[in-house]
Amino acid sequence: MSGGVKSVLDIPATLERLETLGVVVVGYRTTRFPGFYVRDSGCDVDEVESAEQAAAVARARDGLGLRAAVLVGNPVAAEAQIDPELHDRVLAEAEHAAAEAGTRGKAITPFLLEHMHRATEGRSLETNVAVYRGNVAVAAEIAHALAS
């Protein structure tokens, strides 16, 4: 279960790497992979429309003897996402600031996330909490469907 890849990362490259590793990636009630703070990262995924369908994907994977995970992308609620235009602007500013500061490697993600938090006046943290709550609810539904 995931609210998507953090939008500060290279989402297409991340999805490509997951595919290379054999990880099945689907969208929960969406054909667009979520970008954590925003509902749509711009990347297409196959859709599952219910917890039962997500459970069926996991069962099919198990039936094939595959060991890789099934990643269910669950977009944050529309009212909880950061406005996509604000998100894109703030992210571009953060990337520029990181480049100017010479921030690279493992320090880049915390730098970008802190910038996002400051620039959105804490809105990114509220969105983060909404992502977690949404994931808990859907994960519980899928777990129930798997146990049935």
Protein backbone atom coordinates (compact mmCIF):
# COMPACT_ATOMS: atom_id res chain seq x y z
CA MET A 1 0.00 0.00 0.00
CA SER A 2 1.40 3.34 -0.96
CA GLY A 3 0.30 6.91 -1.43
CA GLY A 4 2.66 6.83 -4.38
CA VAL A 5 6.28 7.65 -4.78
CA LYS A 6 7.28 10.91 -3.15
CA SER A 7 6.86 13.53 -5.81
CA VAL A 8 10.36 14.85 -5.14
CA LEU A 9 11.76 11.67 -6.72
CA ASP A 10 12.00 10.59 -10.35
CA ILE A 11 8.68 8.74 -10.48
CA PRO A 12 8.98 7.25 -14.00
CA ALA A 13 12.45 5.89 -13.16
CA THR A 14 11.18 4.50 -9.86
CA LEU A 15 8.27 2.73 -11.55
CA GLU A 16 10.63 1.35 -14.19
CA ARG A 17 12.92 -0.01 -11.47
CA LEU A 18 9.97 -1.63 -9.68
CA GLU A 19 8.95 -3.29 -12.95
CA THR A 20 12.51 -4.53 -13.45
CA LEU A 21 12.36 -6.08 -9.98
CA GLY A 22 9.09 -7.82 -10.86
CA VAL A 23 6.95 -5.71 -8.54
CA VAL A 24 3.35 -5.51 -9.73
CA VAL A 25 2.12 -1.91 -9.50
CA VAL A 26 -1.58 -1.07 -9.66
CA GLY A 27 -3.69 1.97 -8.84
CA TYR A 28 -6.54 1.73 -6.35
CA ARG A 29 -9.55 3.13 -8.18
CA THR A 30 -7.24 5.07 -10.50
CA THR A 31 -5.30 4.61 -13.71
CA ARG A 32 -2.79 7.28 -12.68
CA PHE A 33 -0.07 6.47 -10.18
CA PRO A 34 -0.29 8.83 -7.22
CA GLY A 35 2.49 11.28 -6.43
CA PHE A 36 2.07 11.22 -2.66
CA TYR A 37 1.31 14.93 -2.16
CA VAL A 38 -0.78 14.97 -5.35
CA ARG A 39 -3.25 12.45 -6.73
CA ASP A 40 -1.68 12.18 -10.19
CA SER A 41 2.04 11.78 -10.80
CA GLY A 42 1.53 11.78 -14.56
CA CYS A 43 2.30 8.05 -14.85
CA ASP A 44 -0.18 5.43 -16.01
CA VAL A 45 -0.88 2.22 -14.08
CA ASP A 46 -3.37 -0.60 -14.30
CA GLU A 47 -6.40 -0.08 -12.08
CA VAL A 48 -8.00 -2.25 -9.43
CA GLU A 49 -11.48 -1.03 -8.52
CA SER A 50 -11.87 -2.75 -5.17
CA ALA A 51 -10.07 -4.40 -2.28
CA GLU A 52 -11.28 -7.73 -3.67
CA GLN A 53 -9.60 -7.04 -7.01
CA ALA A 54 -6.36 -6.07 -5.24
CA ALA A 55 -6.54 -9.31 -3.25
CA ALA A 56 -7.12 -11.25 -6.49
CA VAL A 57 -3.95 -9.73 -7.96
CA ALA A 58 -1.99 -10.84 -4.89
CA ARG A 59 -3.50 -14.33 -5.09
CA ALA A 60 -2.62 -14.57 -8.80
CA ARG A 61 0.94 -13.55 -8.00
CA ASP A 62 1.09 -16.22 -5.30
CA GLY A 63 -0.40 -18.80 -7.66
CA LEU A 64 2.38 -18.12 -10.14
CA GLY A 65 4.97 -18.61 -7.42
CA LEU A 66 6.29 -15.06 -7.78
CA ARG A 67 8.08 -13.60 -4.80
CA ALA A 68 7.96 -9.90 -5.68
CA ALA A 69 5.50 -7.56 -4.01
CA VAL A 70 2.26 -6.10 -5.26
CA LEU A 71 2.30 -2.33 -4.78
CA VAL A 72 -1.14 -0.73 -4.59
CA GLY A 73 -0.99 3.00 -5.26
CA ASN A 74 -3.72 4.74 -3.29
CA PRO A 75 -4.12 8.44 -4.12
CA VAL A 76 -4.63 10.89 -1.30
CA ALA A 77 -8.17 12.24 -1.01
CA ALA A 78 -8.80 15.06 -3.48
CA GLU A 79 -9.52 17.59 -0.73
CA ALA A 80 -6.28 16.68 1.08
CA GLN A 81 -3.85 16.92 -1.82
CA ILE A 82 -1.58 19.91 -2.27
CA ASP A 83 -2.81 22.03 -5.15
CA PRO A 84 -0.91 20.54 -8.13
CA GLU A 85 0.18 23.94 -9.46
CA LEU A 86 1.49 24.99 -6.03
CA HIS A 87 3.19 21.62 -5.66
CA ASP A 88 4.96 21.89 -9.02
CA ARG A 89 6.09 25.47 -8.33
CA VAL A 90 7.39 24.66 -4.84
CA LEU A 91 9.15 21.53 -6.06
CA ALA A 92 10.89 23.45 -8.84
CA GLU A 93 11.99 26.07 -6.30
CA ALA A 94 13.26 23.34 -3.96
CA GLU A 95 15.23 21.63 -6.72
CA HIS A 96 16.78 24.97 -7.71
CA ALA A 97 17.68 25.74 -4.09
CA ALA A 98 19.23 22.28 -3.67
CA ALA A 99 21.34 22.76 -6.78
CA GLU A 100 22.52 26.18 -5.60
CA ALA A 101 23.38 24.75 -2.18
CA GLY A 102 25.25 21.83 -3.76
CA THR A 103 22.98 19.34 -2.02
CA ARG A 104 23.30 15.86 -3.57
CA GLY A 105 23.04 12.17 -2.82
CA LYS A 106 21.16 11.00 0.23
CA ALA A 107 20.84 14.58 1.51
CA ILE A 108 18.65 15.68 -1.40
CA THR A 109 15.37 14.08 -0.32
CA PRO A 110 15.34 15.53 3.23
CA PHE A 111 16.34 18.91 1.77
CA LEU A 112 13.46 18.87 -0.74
CA LEU A 113 10.93 17.64 1.82
CA GLU A 114 11.93 20.32 4.33
CA HIS A 115 11.64 22.99 1.64
CA MET A 116 8.20 21.61 0.69
CA HIS A 117 7.10 21.75 4.34
CA ARG A 118 8.25 25.37 4.78
CA ALA A 119 6.96 26.61 1.43
CA THR A 120 3.51 25.08 1.91
CA GLU A 121 3.35 26.41 5.50
CA GLY A 122 2.91 22.90 6.87
CA ARG A 123 0.30 21.81 4.34
CA SER A 124 2.61 19.02 3.15
CA LEU A 125 2.55 17.52 6.66
CA GLU A 126 -1.25 17.59 6.71
CA THR A 127 -1.27 15.86 3.33
CA ASN A 128 1.23 13.32 4.65
CA VAL A 129 -1.12 12.44 7.52
CA ALA A 130 -4.05 12.11 5.10
CA VAL A 131 -1.96 9.76 2.93
CA TYR A 132 -1.22 7.53 5.92
CA ARG A 133 -4.84 7.47 7.06
CA GLY A 134 -6.06 6.62 3.58
CA ASN A 135 -3.49 3.86 3.26
CA VAL A 136 -4.46 2.32 6.59
CA ALA A 137 -8.11 2.23 5.58
CA VAL A 138 -7.50 0.65 2.18
CA ALA A 139 -4.86 -1.76 3.51
CA ALA A 140 -7.38 -2.98 6.10
CA GLU A 141 -9.95 -3.56 3.34
CA ILE A 142 -7.43 -5.51 1.27
CA ALA A 143 -6.31 -7.54 4.30
CA HIS A 144 -9.94 -8.41 4.99
CA ALA A 145 -10.45 -9.43 1.36
CA LEU A 146 -7.30 -11.61 1.51
CA ALA A 147 -8.50 -13.28 4.72
CA SER A 148 -11.94 -14.05 3.27
